[in-house]
Amino acid sequence: MAAVDTTAEAPPDTPDAPAAPVAASAEPREPQKHDELDADAPSVAAHPRAARAVARAKGWGGLAGFVVGGYLSLPTNTLAGAGLRALVAGIVCYVAAWAGAVFLWRRLVILEIKSREQKLVEAVKAANARRELPPGSERPAAGAAS
């Protein structure tokens, strides 16, 4: 039987002992995949209407796939086989509806942003046109009579 060394001291259990500070690495870390994505880029998940529409499309797609898959496989197999095929069809339609909805809403979000940018540019141009007078025309003085 081996002897147990009891001479080693246990670390103090007092909360007063300061924790060892974590040293910051002087070497730059390699960029992670999520670091490369722009945080200000438009996102379908961050867009309120798009997120709801994608969730709705996934639900209806999965439900429709399940119902159609189950209905079409009922006469060809047992009830358990039809249920399994219905589940697989529901999963496939769920993923297809999700991919289609995200594809569509990406384009719609980009178009919405471009439309708002265009309106903002037009508003800025209109504001600048109101401030500047065309060349050759001067404002009459406040007290001058024509």
N, C-alpha and C. Protein backbone atom coordinates (compact mmCIF):
# COMPACT_ATOMS: atom_id res chain seq x y z
N MET A 1 0.84 -1.17 0.00
CA MET A 1 0.00 0.00 0.00
C MET A 1 0.89 1.23 0.00
N ALA A 2 0.54 2.23 -0.81
CA ALA A 2 1.35 3.42 -0.93
C ALA A 2 1.01 4.40 0.17
N ALA A 3 2.04 5.12 0.60
CA ALA A 3 1.85 6.11 1.65
C ALA A 3 1.34 7.41 1.03
N VAL A 4 0.43 8.04 1.74
CA VAL A 4 -0.15 9.29 1.28
C VAL A 4 0.65 10.44 1.86
N ASP A 5 1.05 11.39 0.99
CA ASP A 5 1.82 12.55 1.44
C ASP A 5 0.86 13.60 1.98
N THR A 6 0.94 13.86 3.27
CA THR A 6 0.04 14.82 3.89
C THR A 6 0.74 16.14 4.19
N THR A 7 1.96 16.33 3.68
CA THR A 7 2.69 17.55 3.98
C THR A 7 2.30 18.71 3.08
N ALA A 8 1.67 18.43 1.95
CA ALA A 8 1.28 19.52 1.04
C ALA A 8 0.13 20.31 1.65
N GLU A 9 0.21 21.60 1.55
CA GLU A 9 -0.82 22.45 2.12
C GLU A 9 -1.94 22.68 1.09
N ALA A 10 -3.13 22.74 1.58
CA ALA A 10 -4.28 23.03 0.73
C ALA A 10 -4.36 24.54 0.53
N PRO A 11 -4.88 24.99 -0.59
CA PRO A 11 -5.01 26.43 -0.80
C PRO A 11 -5.98 27.03 0.21
N PRO A 12 -5.77 28.28 0.56
CA PRO A 12 -6.67 28.89 1.56
C PRO A 12 -8.08 29.00 1.01
N ASP A 13 -9.04 28.75 1.89
CA ASP A 13 -10.45 28.82 1.52
C ASP A 13 -11.06 30.18 1.83
N THR A 14 -10.27 31.14 2.17
CA THR A 14 -10.81 32.44 2.53
C THR A 14 -11.13 33.24 1.27
N PRO A 15 -12.23 33.97 1.27
CA PRO A 15 -12.58 34.79 0.11
C PRO A 15 -11.71 36.04 0.00
N ASP A 16 -10.90 36.33 1.04
CA ASP A 16 -10.05 37.51 1.01
C ASP A 16 -8.85 37.34 0.08
N ALA A 17 -8.55 36.11 -0.28
CA ALA A 17 -7.39 35.88 -1.14
C ALA A 17 -7.69 36.40 -2.54
N PRO A 18 -6.84 37.29 -3.05
CA PRO A 18 -7.10 37.83 -4.38
C PRO A 18 -6.87 36.79 -5.45
N ALA A 19 -7.69 36.84 -6.47
CA ALA A 19 -7.56 35.91 -7.58
C ALA A 19 -6.39 36.36 -8.45
N ALA A 20 -5.74 35.41 -9.05
CA ALA A 20 -4.62 35.73 -9.92
C ALA A 20 -5.14 36.43 -11.16
N PRO A 21 -4.54 37.57 -11.52
CA PRO A 21 -5.01 38.28 -12.71
C PRO A 21 -4.68 37.50 -13.97
N VAL A 22 -5.55 37.62 -14.93
CA VAL A 22 -5.34 36.95 -16.21
C VAL A 22 -4.54 37.90 -17.08
N ALA A 23 -3.39 37.43 -17.54
CA ALA A 23 -2.52 38.27 -18.36
C ALA A 23 -3.04 38.30 -19.79
N ALA A 24 -3.07 39.50 -20.35
CA ALA A 24 -3.50 39.63 -21.74
C ALA A 24 -2.36 39.23 -22.66
N SER A 25 -2.70 38.55 -23.69
CA SER A 25 -1.70 38.09 -24.64
C SER A 25 -1.23 39.26 -25.50
N ALA A 26 0.08 39.35 -25.69
CA ALA A 26 0.63 40.42 -26.51
C ALA A 26 0.51 40.09 -27.99
N GLU A 27 0.34 38.81 -28.28
CA GLU A 27 0.21 38.40 -29.68
C GLU A 27 -1.21 38.64 -30.16
N PRO A 28 -1.36 39.14 -31.38
CA PRO A 28 -2.72 39.30 -31.90
C PRO A 28 -3.33 37.93 -32.18
N ARG A 29 -4.59 37.81 -31.82
CA ARG A 29 -5.25 36.53 -32.04
C ARG A 29 -5.71 36.43 -33.49
N GLU A 30 -5.83 35.21 -33.95
CA GLU A 30 -6.30 35.00 -35.31
C GLU A 30 -7.79 35.31 -35.38
N PRO A 31 -8.23 35.96 -36.45
CA PRO A 31 -9.66 36.28 -36.53
C PRO A 31 -10.49 35.01 -36.65
N GLN A 32 -11.55 34.98 -35.89
CA GLN A 32 -12.48 33.86 -35.96
C GLN A 32 -13.45 34.10 -37.10
N LYS A 33 -14.17 33.06 -37.47
CA LYS A 33 -15.11 33.18 -38.57
C LYS A 33 -16.18 34.22 -38.27
N HIS A 34 -16.68 34.24 -37.04
CA HIS A 34 -17.73 35.20 -36.71
C HIS A 34 -17.17 36.60 -36.57
N ASP A 35 -15.86 36.77 -36.34
CA ASP A 35 -15.27 38.10 -36.29
C ASP A 35 -15.21 38.75 -37.66
N GLU A 36 -15.12 37.92 -38.70
CA GLU A 36 -15.00 38.45 -40.05
C GLU A 36 -16.32 39.03 -40.55
N LEU A 37 -17.43 38.60 -39.97
CA LEU A 37 -18.72 39.12 -40.37
C LEU A 37 -18.88 40.53 -39.83
N ASP A 38 -19.42 41.40 -40.63
CA ASP A 38 -19.63 42.78 -40.22
C ASP A 38 -20.82 42.86 -39.28
N ALA A 39 -20.62 43.46 -38.13
CA ALA A 39 -21.70 43.56 -37.15
C ALA A 39 -22.81 44.49 -37.63
N ASP A 40 -22.47 45.43 -38.52
CA ASP A 40 -23.47 46.37 -39.01
C ASP A 40 -24.17 45.88 -40.26
N ALA A 41 -23.85 44.71 -40.73
CA ALA A 41 -24.46 44.18 -41.95
C ALA A 41 -25.93 43.85 -41.67
N PRO A 42 -26.77 44.02 -42.67
CA PRO A 42 -28.18 43.68 -42.46
C PRO A 42 -28.36 42.19 -42.20
N SER A 43 -29.29 41.88 -41.36
CA SER A 43 -29.53 40.49 -40.99
C SER A 43 -31.01 40.18 -41.08
N VAL A 44 -31.32 39.02 -41.61
CA VAL A 44 -32.71 38.59 -41.69
C VAL A 44 -33.24 38.34 -40.27
N ALA A 45 -32.42 37.78 -39.41
CA ALA A 45 -32.86 37.48 -38.05
C ALA A 45 -33.10 38.74 -37.24
N ALA A 46 -32.40 39.83 -37.56
CA ALA A 46 -32.57 41.07 -36.81
C ALA A 46 -33.73 41.91 -37.34
N HIS A 47 -34.22 41.60 -38.52
CA HIS A 47 -35.33 42.35 -39.11
C HIS A 47 -36.63 41.79 -38.54
N PRO A 48 -37.47 42.61 -37.91
CA PRO A 48 -38.66 42.07 -37.23
C PRO A 48 -39.66 41.38 -38.15
N ARG A 49 -39.98 41.99 -39.28
CA ARG A 49 -40.95 41.35 -40.19
C ARG A 49 -40.35 40.11 -40.83
N ALA A 50 -39.07 40.17 -41.18
CA ALA A 50 -38.43 39.04 -41.85
C ALA A 50 -38.34 37.84 -40.91
N ALA A 51 -37.98 38.07 -39.66
CA ALA A 51 -37.86 36.96 -38.71
C ALA A 51 -39.20 36.27 -38.51
N ARG A 52 -40.27 37.06 -38.38
CA ARG A 52 -41.60 36.46 -38.22
C ARG A 52 -42.03 35.70 -39.47
N ALA A 53 -41.75 36.28 -40.64
CA ALA A 53 -42.16 35.63 -41.88
C ALA A 53 -41.39 34.34 -42.12
N VAL A 54 -40.11 34.32 -41.78
CA VAL A 54 -39.33 33.09 -41.94
C VAL A 54 -39.84 32.02 -40.98
N ALA A 55 -40.14 32.40 -39.75
CA ALA A 55 -40.66 31.43 -38.79
C ALA A 55 -42.01 30.88 -39.25
N ARG A 56 -42.85 31.77 -39.78
CA ARG A 56 -44.16 31.34 -40.29
C ARG A 56 -44.00 30.39 -41.47
N ALA A 57 -43.09 30.69 -42.38
CA ALA A 57 -42.86 29.84 -43.55
C ALA A 57 -42.34 28.47 -43.13
N LYS A 58 -41.45 28.44 -42.15
CA LYS A 58 -40.94 27.15 -41.67
C LYS A 58 -42.07 26.30 -41.10
N GLY A 59 -42.91 26.93 -40.31
CA GLY A 59 -44.02 26.18 -39.70
C GLY A 59 -44.98 25.63 -40.74
N TRP A 60 -45.42 26.49 -41.66
CA TRP A 60 -46.36 26.03 -42.69
C TRP A 60 -45.70 25.02 -43.62
N GLY A 61 -44.44 25.20 -43.94
CA GLY A 61 -43.75 24.26 -44.82
C GLY A 61 -43.64 22.88 -44.19
N GLY A 62 -43.27 22.84 -42.92
CA GLY A 62 -43.17 21.56 -42.23
C GLY A 62 -44.52 20.87 -42.09
N LEU A 63 -45.54 21.65 -41.76
CA LEU A 63 -46.88 21.08 -41.61
C LEU A 63 -47.41 20.57 -42.94
N ALA A 64 -47.24 21.36 -43.99
CA ALA A 64 -47.72 20.93 -45.31
C ALA A 64 -46.97 19.70 -45.79
N GLY A 65 -45.66 19.66 -45.58
CA GLY A 65 -44.89 18.49 -45.97
C GLY A 65 -45.32 17.25 -45.22
N PHE A 66 -45.58 17.39 -43.92
CA PHE A 66 -46.02 16.26 -43.12
C PHE A 66 -47.37 15.73 -43.60
N VAL A 67 -48.32 16.65 -43.82
CA VAL A 67 -49.67 16.23 -44.24
C VAL A 67 -49.64 15.59 -45.63
N VAL A 68 -48.98 16.24 -46.58
CA VAL A 68 -48.94 15.71 -47.95
C VAL A 68 -48.17 14.39 -47.98
N GLY A 69 -47.02 14.35 -47.29
CA GLY A 69 -46.23 13.11 -47.26
C GLY A 69 -47.00 11.97 -46.62
N GLY A 70 -47.71 12.25 -45.53
CA GLY A 70 -48.50 11.21 -44.88
C GLY A 70 -49.65 10.74 -45.73
N TYR A 71 -50.32 11.68 -46.38
CA TYR A 71 -51.46 11.32 -47.23
C TYR A 71 -51.02 10.48 -48.42
N LEU A 72 -49.92 10.87 -49.04
CA LEU A 72 -49.46 10.13 -50.22
C LEU A 72 -48.88 8.77 -49.88
N SER A 73 -48.38 8.57 -48.67
CA SER A 73 -47.78 7.29 -48.33
C SER A 73 -48.75 6.34 -47.61
N LEU A 74 -49.94 6.78 -47.28
CA LEU A 74 -50.90 5.90 -46.60
C LEU A 74 -51.25 4.64 -47.41
N PRO A 75 -51.60 4.74 -48.67
CA PRO A 75 -52.01 3.52 -49.37
C PRO A 75 -50.85 2.59 -49.71
N THR A 76 -49.61 3.03 -49.60
CA THR A 76 -48.49 2.21 -50.04
C THR A 76 -47.80 1.46 -48.93
N ASN A 77 -48.09 1.75 -47.67
CA ASN A 77 -47.32 1.16 -46.59
C ASN A 77 -48.18 1.01 -45.36
N THR A 78 -47.58 0.51 -44.29
CA THR A 78 -48.28 0.40 -43.01
C THR A 78 -48.41 1.78 -42.39
N LEU A 79 -49.17 1.86 -41.33
CA LEU A 79 -49.36 3.15 -40.66
C LEU A 79 -48.05 3.68 -40.09
N ALA A 80 -47.22 2.82 -39.52
CA ALA A 80 -45.93 3.25 -38.97
C ALA A 80 -45.01 3.74 -40.09
N GLY A 81 -45.00 3.03 -41.21
CA GLY A 81 -44.17 3.46 -42.35
C GLY A 81 -44.66 4.77 -42.92
N ALA A 82 -45.98 4.94 -42.97
CA ALA A 82 -46.54 6.20 -43.48
C ALA A 82 -46.19 7.35 -42.53
N GLY A 83 -46.24 7.09 -41.24
CA GLY A 83 -45.87 8.12 -40.27
C GLY A 83 -44.40 8.52 -40.39
N LEU A 84 -43.54 7.54 -40.58
CA LEU A 84 -42.12 7.83 -40.75
C LEU A 84 -41.88 8.63 -42.03
N ARG A 85 -42.53 8.24 -43.09
CA ARG A 85 -42.39 8.99 -44.35
C ARG A 85 -42.97 10.39 -44.22
N ALA A 86 -44.05 10.53 -43.46
CA ALA A 86 -44.63 11.85 -43.24
C ALA A 86 -43.66 12.74 -42.45
N LEU A 87 -43.00 12.17 -41.45
CA LEU A 87 -42.02 12.94 -40.69
C LEU A 87 -40.85 13.39 -41.57
N VAL A 88 -40.36 12.47 -42.38
CA VAL A 88 -39.24 12.82 -43.27
C VAL A 88 -39.67 13.89 -44.27
N ALA A 89 -40.87 13.76 -44.83
CA ALA A 89 -41.36 14.77 -45.77
C ALA A 89 -41.54 16.11 -45.07
N GLY A 90 -42.01 16.09 -43.84
CA GLY A 90 -42.18 17.33 -43.07
C GLY A 90 -40.84 18.01 -42.81
N ILE A 91 -39.82 17.23 -42.47
CA ILE A 91 -38.49 17.79 -42.22
C ILE A 91 -37.91 18.38 -43.50
N VAL A 92 -38.06 17.65 -44.60
CA VAL A 92 -37.52 18.14 -45.88
C VAL A 92 -38.22 19.43 -46.28
N CYS A 93 -39.53 19.48 -46.15
CA CYS A 93 -40.27 20.69 -46.53
C CYS A 93 -39.98 21.84 -45.57
N TYR A 94 -39.75 21.54 -44.30
CA TYR A 94 -39.38 22.55 -43.31
C TYR A 94 -38.08 23.22 -43.71
N VAL A 95 -37.07 22.42 -44.05
CA VAL A 95 -35.77 22.95 -44.43
C VAL A 95 -35.87 23.72 -45.76
N ALA A 96 -36.63 23.17 -46.71
CA ALA A 96 -36.79 23.85 -48.00
C ALA A 96 -37.51 25.19 -47.83
N ALA A 97 -38.55 25.21 -47.01
CA ALA A 97 -39.27 26.47 -46.77
C ALA A 97 -38.39 27.47 -46.05
N TRP A 98 -37.58 27.02 -45.11
CA TRP A 98 -36.67 27.91 -44.40
C TRP A 98 -35.66 28.52 -45.37
N ALA A 99 -35.05 27.68 -46.21
CA ALA A 99 -34.06 28.17 -47.16
C ALA A 99 -34.69 29.15 -48.15
N GLY A 100 -35.86 28.83 -48.65
CA GLY A 100 -36.53 29.73 -49.58
C GLY A 100 -36.92 31.05 -48.95
N ALA A 101 -37.41 31.00 -47.72
CA ALA A 101 -37.81 32.23 -47.04
C ALA A 101 -36.61 33.11 -46.72
N VAL A 102 -35.52 32.51 -46.29
CA VAL A 102 -34.31 33.30 -46.01
C VAL A 102 -33.77 33.90 -47.30
N PHE A 103 -33.77 33.13 -48.38
CA PHE A 103 -33.32 33.63 -49.68
C PHE A 103 -34.15 34.84 -50.10
N LEU A 104 -35.45 34.72 -50.00
CA LEU A 104 -36.35 35.80 -50.40
C LEU A 104 -36.19 37.03 -49.51
N TRP A 105 -36.17 36.83 -48.19
CA TRP A 105 -36.11 37.96 -47.28
C TRP A 105 -34.75 38.65 -47.29
N ARG A 106 -33.68 37.94 -47.63
CA ARG A 106 -32.40 38.62 -47.78
C ARG A 106 -32.49 39.69 -48.85
N ARG A 107 -33.08 39.31 -49.97
CA ARG A 107 -33.22 40.27 -51.06
C ARG A 107 -34.17 41.40 -50.69
N LEU A 108 -35.26 41.07 -50.00
CA LEU A 108 -36.22 42.11 -49.61
C LEU A 108 -35.62 43.09 -48.61
N VAL A 109 -34.82 42.60 -47.66
CA VAL A 109 -34.19 43.48 -46.68
C VAL A 109 -33.20 44.41 -47.38
N ILE A 110 -32.41 43.88 -48.31
CA ILE A 110 -31.46 44.70 -49.05
C ILE A 110 -32.20 45.76 -49.87
N LEU A 111 -33.29 45.36 -50.54
CA LEU A 111 -34.07 46.33 -51.32
C LEU A 111 -34.69 47.40 -50.42
N GLU A 112 -35.14 47.02 -49.25
CA GLU A 112 -35.72 47.99 -48.33
C GLU A 112 -34.65 48.98 -47.86
N ILE A 113 -33.46 48.50 -47.59
CA ILE A 113 -32.37 49.39 -47.16
C ILE A 113 -32.00 50.35 -48.29
N LYS A 114 -31.90 49.82 -49.51
CA LYS A 114 -31.57 50.69 -50.65
C LYS A 114 -32.66 51.74 -50.88
N SER A 115 -33.91 51.35 -50.72
CA SER A 115 -35.01 52.30 -50.88
C SER A 115 -34.93 53.41 -49.84
N ARG A 116 -34.66 53.04 -48.59
CA ARG A 116 -34.55 54.05 -47.54
C ARG A 116 -33.34 54.96 -47.77
N GLU A 117 -32.23 54.39 -48.25
CA GLU A 117 -31.07 55.21 -48.57
C GLU A 117 -31.40 56.20 -49.68
N GLN A 118 -32.12 55.74 -50.70
CA GLN A 118 -32.50 56.61 -51.81
C GLN A 118 -33.39 57.75 -51.32
N LYS A 119 -34.35 57.44 -50.46
CA LYS A 119 -35.22 58.48 -49.91
C LYS A 119 -34.43 59.47 -49.08
N LEU A 120 -33.46 58.98 -48.32
CA LEU A 120 -32.63 59.85 -47.50
C LEU A 120 -31.78 60.77 -48.38
N VAL A 121 -31.21 60.22 -49.45
CA VAL A 121 -30.41 61.04 -50.36
C VAL A 121 -31.27 62.11 -51.00
N GLU A 122 -32.48 61.75 -51.43
CA GLU A 122 -33.38 62.74 -52.03
C GLU A 122 -33.78 63.81 -51.02
N ALA A 123 -34.00 63.43 -49.77
CA ALA A 123 -34.35 64.41 -48.74
C ALA A 123 -33.19 65.36 -48.48
N VAL A 124 -31.98 64.83 -48.46
CA VAL A 124 -30.81 65.68 -48.24
C VAL A 124 -30.63 66.64 -49.41
N LYS A 125 -30.81 66.14 -50.63
CA LYS A 125 -30.70 67.01 -51.81
C LYS A 125 -31.77 68.11 -51.77
N ALA A 126 -32.97 67.77 -51.39
CA ALA A 126 -34.04 68.76 -51.31
C ALA A 126 -33.75 69.79 -50.23
N ALA A 127 -33.21 69.35 -49.11
CA ALA A 127 -32.87 70.29 -48.04
C ALA A 127 -31.74 71.21 -48.48
N ASN A 128 -30.76 70.67 -49.18
CA ASN A 128 -29.67 71.50 -49.67
C ASN A 128 -30.16 72.47 -50.74
N ALA A 129 -31.10 72.07 -51.56
CA ALA A 129 -31.63 72.95 -52.60
C ALA A 129 -32.41 74.10 -51.98
N ARG A 130 -33.09 73.87 -50.86
CA ARG A 130 -33.83 74.94 -50.19
C ARG A 130 -32.88 75.95 -49.55
N ARG A 131 -31.74 75.48 -49.09
CA ARG A 131 -30.78 76.37 -48.43
C ARG A 131 -30.03 77.23 -49.44
N GLU A 132 -29.71 76.68 -50.58
CA GLU A 132 -28.91 77.39 -51.56
C GLU A 132 -29.83 78.04 -52.60
N LEU A 133 -29.49 79.27 -52.97
CA LEU A 133 -30.23 79.95 -54.02
C LEU A 133 -29.53 79.69 -55.34
N PRO A 134 -30.27 79.67 -56.41
CA PRO A 134 -29.61 79.49 -57.70
C PRO A 134 -28.68 80.67 -57.98
N PRO A 135 -27.62 80.48 -58.79
CA PRO A 135 -26.69 81.56 -59.06
C PRO A 135 -27.39 82.73 -59.76
N GLY A 136 -27.01 83.94 -59.40
CA GLY A 136 -27.58 85.13 -60.02
C GLY A 136 -28.77 85.71 -59.28
N SER A 137 -29.35 85.00 -58.38
CA SER A 137 -30.49 85.54 -57.62
C SER A 137 -30.02 85.86 -56.22
N GLU A 138 -30.44 86.98 -55.73
CA GLU A 138 -30.06 87.38 -54.39
C GLU A 138 -31.33 87.62 -53.57
N ARG A 139 -31.18 87.45 -52.32
CA ARG A 139 -32.31 87.70 -51.44
C ARG A 139 -32.44 89.20 -51.25
N PRO A 140 -33.67 89.69 -51.27
CA PRO A 140 -33.84 91.12 -50.99
C PRO A 140 -33.56 91.38 -49.51
N ALA A 141 -33.05 92.56 -49.25
CA ALA A 141 -32.77 92.93 -47.86
C ALA A 141 -34.08 93.04 -47.11
N ALA A 142 -34.03 92.85 -45.82
CA ALA A 142 -35.24 92.81 -45.01
C ALA A 142 -36.01 94.13 -45.05
N GLY A 143 -35.33 95.25 -45.04
CA GLY A 143 -36.03 96.54 -45.01
C GLY A 143 -36.06 97.22 -46.36
N ALA A 144 -35.57 96.64 -47.42
CA ALA A 144 -35.49 97.30 -48.72
C ALA A 144 -36.82 97.18 -49.45
N ALA A 145 -37.20 98.24 -50.10
CA ALA A 145 -38.44 98.25 -50.89
C ALA A 145 -38.08 98.06 -52.35
N SER A 146 -38.90 97.37 -53.11
CA SER A 146 -38.61 97.14 -54.50
C SER A 146 -39.11 98.22 -55.39
